[in-house]
């Protein structure tokens, strides 16, 4: 059994920071890479549902990113694997969602910018990660559509709700990374949050751990540029 199994898009990314270009793998690869950095002993499964390409520009001064994403150059229905946590990335971009109801363990998912999420899918989800920019309703309303929690996150804070109780965390100033490369930060945050679940932390401990870990990873990434 995997500790975590990742489902969703695998992309080949061409990344521009100003005029400097690099190439990397993205989407589910972002989470895999994060787990290898923060918890290399975890057994992380990979079940791509599609192969695509992305063109990405990162503006470090404004901490913004801009991208074009062609997600479905090749597609397949994934083989479902036993796992403690099954994490589905970018469920609002998936062309086939029939397999979501068959996932094992704690089922988590996130969304990316663009298409509106099919809220019927949330009935299968224990933890939904969504940015403030992609929120389609207030936090408690979204949470009541899931089996468990919604994790609403910004670059400096997060709010977690199960529709009845809400927990908020705001990063202290010394954790905030100015002029940072924010590419993959949401995937870093989600991965660290899932690690906290596996460590049996309570919600507030998980939030703090996820923000601290993401901040450290962004600092490391910026030192390499």
Protein backbone atom coordinates (compact mmCIF):
# COMPACT_ATOMS: atom_id res chain seq x y z
CA UNK A 1 0.00 0.00 0.00
CA UNK A 2 1.24 3.49 -0.90
CA UNK A 3 1.40 6.21 1.73
CA UNK A 4 0.15 8.64 -0.92
CA UNK A 5 -0.95 8.00 -4.49
CA UNK A 6 -1.12 10.92 -6.92
CA UNK A 7 -3.67 11.13 -9.74
CA UNK A 8 -4.09 13.73 -12.48
CA UNK A 9 -2.12 15.56 -15.10
CA UNK A 10 1.59 15.15 -15.74
CA UNK A 11 2.97 18.09 -17.73
CA UNK A 12 6.18 19.03 -19.48
CA UNK A 13 6.78 22.65 -18.39
CA UNK A 14 8.74 25.37 -20.19
CA UNK A 15 9.36 27.99 -17.51
CA UNK A 16 10.52 31.58 -18.08
CA UNK A 17 11.81 33.68 -15.18
CA UNK A 18 12.33 37.00 -16.93
CA UNK A 19 14.08 35.81 -20.11
CA UNK A 20 15.75 32.73 -18.65
CA UNK A 21 14.15 29.46 -19.73
CA UNK A 22 14.26 26.12 -17.94
CA UNK A 23 12.32 22.91 -18.46
CA UNK A 24 10.77 20.70 -15.82
CA UNK A 25 7.93 18.28 -15.12
CA UNK A 26 4.84 19.71 -13.45
CA UNK A 27 1.38 18.96 -12.04
CA UNK A 28 1.59 15.61 -10.19
CA UNK A 29 5.37 15.84 -10.53
CA UNK A 30 5.30 18.97 -8.33
CA UNK A 31 3.81 16.95 -5.46
CA UNK A 32 6.14 13.98 -6.05
CA UNK A 33 9.14 16.34 -5.98
CA UNK A 34 7.93 17.95 -2.75
CA UNK A 35 7.48 14.60 -1.02
CA UNK A 36 10.99 13.56 -2.06
CA UNK A 37 12.33 16.76 -0.46
CA UNK A 38 10.39 16.72 2.80
CA UNK A 39 9.73 13.00 3.41
CA UNK A 40 11.90 10.85 1.11
CA UNK A 41 10.94 7.64 2.91
CA UNK A 42 7.27 7.95 2.00
CA UNK A 43 5.95 5.49 -0.59
CA UNK A 44 4.46 7.78 -3.24
CA UNK A 45 2.53 6.22 -6.13
CA UNK A 46 1.97 7.95 -9.47
CA UNK A 47 -1.08 7.38 -11.67
CA UNK A 48 -1.14 10.00 -14.46
CA UNK A 49 -4.50 10.47 -16.15
CA UNK A 50 -3.05 12.61 -18.95
CA UNK A 51 0.16 13.97 -20.42
CA UNK A 52 0.30 17.63 -21.40
CA UNK A 53 2.48 20.70 -21.88
CA UNK A 54 2.61 24.08 -20.15
CA UNK A 55 4.25 27.42 -20.96
CA UNK A 56 4.83 29.42 -17.77
CA UNK A 57 6.12 32.91 -16.99
CA UNK A 58 7.09 33.76 -13.39
CA UNK A 59 7.24 37.41 -12.31
CA UNK A 60 9.31 37.35 -9.13
CA UNK A 61 8.84 41.03 -8.33
CA UNK A 62 5.05 40.74 -8.11
CA UNK A 63 5.05 37.09 -6.93
CA UNK A 64 2.72 36.25 -9.82
CA UNK A 65 2.74 33.58 -12.50
CA UNK A 66 1.07 33.39 -15.91
CA UNK A 67 0.62 30.24 -17.95
CA UNK A 68 -0.91 28.47 -20.92
CA UNK A 69 -1.67 24.80 -20.32
CA UNK A 70 -2.56 22.10 -22.85
CA UNK A 71 -3.41 19.26 -20.47
CA UNK A 72 -4.70 16.39 -22.57
CA UNK A 73 -2.28 15.54 -25.37
CA UNK A 74 -2.52 11.91 -24.22
CA UNK A 75 -5.12 10.53 -21.80
CA UNK A 76 -5.97 7.32 -19.98
CA UNK A 77 -8.22 6.04 -17.20
CA UNK A 78 -5.90 5.39 -14.25
CA UNK A 79 -5.47 2.07 -12.47
CA UNK A 80 -6.56 2.67 -8.86
CA UNK A 81 -3.93 1.77 -6.25
CA UNK A 82 -4.34 1.04 -2.52
CA UNK A 83 -3.15 4.06 -0.52
CA UNK A 84 -3.54 5.74 2.84
CA UNK A 85 -4.17 9.02 0.98
CA UNK A 86 -5.31 9.37 -2.64
CA UNK A 87 -4.71 12.87 -4.00
CA UNK A 88 -6.31 14.04 -7.26
CA UNK A 89 -4.84 17.18 -8.79
CA UNK A 90 -6.71 19.84 -10.75
CA UNK A 91 -10.07 18.06 -10.73
CA UNK A 92 -11.67 20.98 -12.57
CA UNK A 93 -9.40 20.16 -15.57
CA UNK A 94 -10.05 16.41 -15.69
CA UNK A 95 -11.92 15.17 -18.78
CA UNK A 96 -12.80 11.86 -17.08
CA UNK A 97 -13.79 11.88 -13.40
CA UNK A 98 -15.56 8.51 -13.19
CA UNK A 99 -12.67 6.99 -11.21
CA UNK A 100 -12.81 9.51 -8.34
CA UNK A 101 -15.45 7.52 -6.48
CA UNK A 102 -13.17 4.44 -6.53
CA UNK A 103 -10.17 6.00 -4.79
CA UNK A 104 -8.78 4.45 -1.60
CA UNK A 105 -8.10 5.87 1.86
CA UNK A 106 -8.44 9.57 2.64
CA UNK A 107 -9.41 11.25 -0.63
CA UNK A 108 -8.00 14.71 -1.25
CA UNK A 109 -8.12 16.98 -4.29
CA UNK A 110 -7.31 20.45 -5.51
CA UNK A 111 -8.26 22.79 -8.33
CA UNK A 112 -6.35 25.15 -10.58
CA UNK A 113 -7.26 28.41 -12.23
CA UNK A 114 -9.65 28.23 -15.16
CA UNK A 115 -12.74 26.08 -15.48
CA UNK A 116 -15.43 26.03 -12.81
CA UNK A 117 -15.40 22.93 -10.64
CA UNK A 118 -18.20 20.38 -10.92
CA UNK A 119 -19.48 20.54 -7.36
CA UNK A 120 -21.04 17.05 -7.64
CA UNK A 121 -17.50 15.67 -7.41
CA UNK A 122 -17.01 17.09 -3.92
CA UNK A 123 -19.16 14.38 -2.34
CA UNK A 124 -16.17 12.03 -2.73
CA UNK A 125 -13.59 14.41 -1.26
CA UNK A 126 -12.37 14.44 2.37
CA UNK A 127 -10.08 17.48 1.91
CA UNK A 128 -10.45 19.99 -0.93
CA UNK A 129 -7.60 22.48 -1.48
CA UNK A 130 -8.65 25.70 -3.19
CA UNK A 131 -7.07 29.14 -3.46
CA UNK A 132 -8.92 32.29 -2.57
CA UNK A 133 -8.88 33.24 -6.26
CA UNK A 134 -10.70 30.03 -7.27
CA UNK A 135 -13.27 29.95 -4.44
CA UNK A 136 -16.81 29.65 -5.84
CA UNK A 137 -18.69 30.23 -2.55
CA UNK A 138 -18.01 31.09 1.07
CA UNK A 139 -15.81 28.64 2.99
CA UNK A 140 -18.50 26.92 5.06
CA UNK A 141 -20.79 26.47 2.05
CA UNK A 142 -17.99 24.79 0.10
CA UNK A 143 -17.09 22.59 3.06
CA UNK A 144 -20.65 21.27 3.38
CA UNK A 145 -20.38 19.93 -0.19
CA UNK A 146 -17.47 17.66 0.80
CA UNK A 147 -17.19 14.62 3.07
CA UNK A 148 -14.88 16.59 5.34
CA UNK A 149 -12.93 19.81 4.95
CA UNK A 150 -12.13 22.65 2.60
CA UNK A 151 -8.66 24.17 2.87
CA UNK A 152 -8.82 27.73 1.51
CA UNK A 153 -5.29 29.06 1.08
CA UNK A 154 -3.54 32.26 0.07
CA UNK A 155 0.18 32.95 -0.20
CA UNK A 156 0.21 34.07 3.45
CA UNK A 157 -2.65 32.28 5.20
CA UNK A 158 -5.10 29.40 5.23
CA UNK A 159 -8.60 28.76 6.53
CA UNK A 160 -9.85 25.21 7.14
CA UNK A 161 -13.53 24.40 7.67
CA UNK A 162 -15.74 21.32 7.91
CA UNK A 163 -18.85 23.47 7.61
CA UNK A 164 -19.19 23.83 11.37
CA UNK A 165 -15.78 24.76 12.75
CA UNK A 166 -13.17 26.98 11.13
CA UNK A 167 -9.45 27.21 11.86
CA UNK A 168 -7.34 30.10 10.55
CA UNK A 169 -3.57 30.48 10.29
CA UNK A 170 -1.61 33.54 9.17
CA UNK A 171 2.10 33.35 8.46
CA UNK A 172 4.36 35.54 10.60
CA UNK A 173 6.30 38.17 8.67
CA UNK A 174 9.59 36.28 8.98
CA UNK A 175 8.14 33.36 7.00
CA UNK A 176 6.98 35.48 4.04
CA UNK A 177 9.32 35.18 1.04
CA UNK A 178 9.43 38.44 -0.91
CA UNK A 179 10.18 38.51 -4.66
CA UNK A 180 9.73 34.75 -4.73
CA UNK A 181 9.29 32.15 -7.45
CA UNK A 182 5.75 31.02 -6.64
CA UNK A 183 5.61 28.24 -9.25
CA UNK A 184 4.26 25.08 -7.64
CA UNK A 185 3.68 26.72 -4.25
CA UNK A 186 0.11 25.42 -4.05
CA UNK A 187 1.30 21.87 -4.73
CA UNK A 188 4.04 22.27 -2.11
CA UNK A 189 1.46 23.43 0.42
CA UNK A 190 -0.92 20.55 -0.33
CA UNK A 191 1.89 17.99 -0.13
CA UNK A 192 3.09 19.29 3.23
CA UNK A 193 -0.51 19.32 4.47
CA UNK A 194 -0.89 15.65 3.47
CA UNK A 195 2.35 14.83 5.28
CA UNK A 196 0.83 16.43 8.39
CA UNK A 197 -2.22 14.18 8.06
CA UNK A 198 0.05 11.12 7.85
CA UNK A 199 1.88 12.35 10.97
CA UNK A 200 -1.48 12.50 12.80
CA UNK A 201 -1.14 16.22 13.55
CA UNK A 202 -4.27 18.13 14.50
CA UNK A 203 -5.63 20.67 12.01
CA UNK A 204 -3.86 23.68 13.47
CA UNK A 205 -0.55 21.82 13.62
CA UNK A 206 -1.04 20.74 10.01
CA UNK A 207 -1.69 24.31 8.86
CA UNK A 208 1.43 25.62 10.59
CA UNK A 209 3.53 22.74 9.27
CA UNK A 210 2.27 23.24 5.71
CA UNK A 211 3.04 26.98 5.69
CA UNK A 212 6.45 26.57 7.34
CA UNK A 213 7.45 23.81 4.94
CA UNK A 214 6.26 25.71 1.87
CA UNK A 215 8.16 28.82 2.97
CA UNK A 216 11.37 26.81 3.39
CA UNK A 217 10.99 25.17 -0.02
CA UNK A 218 10.35 28.49 -1.76
CA UNK A 219 13.45 29.97 -0.11
CA UNK A 220 15.53 27.02 -1.34
CA UNK A 221 14.09 27.32 -4.86
CA UNK A 222 14.88 31.04 -5.05
CA UNK A 223 18.45 30.51 -3.89
CA UNK A 224 18.99 28.28 -6.94
CA UNK A 225 17.83 30.90 -9.45
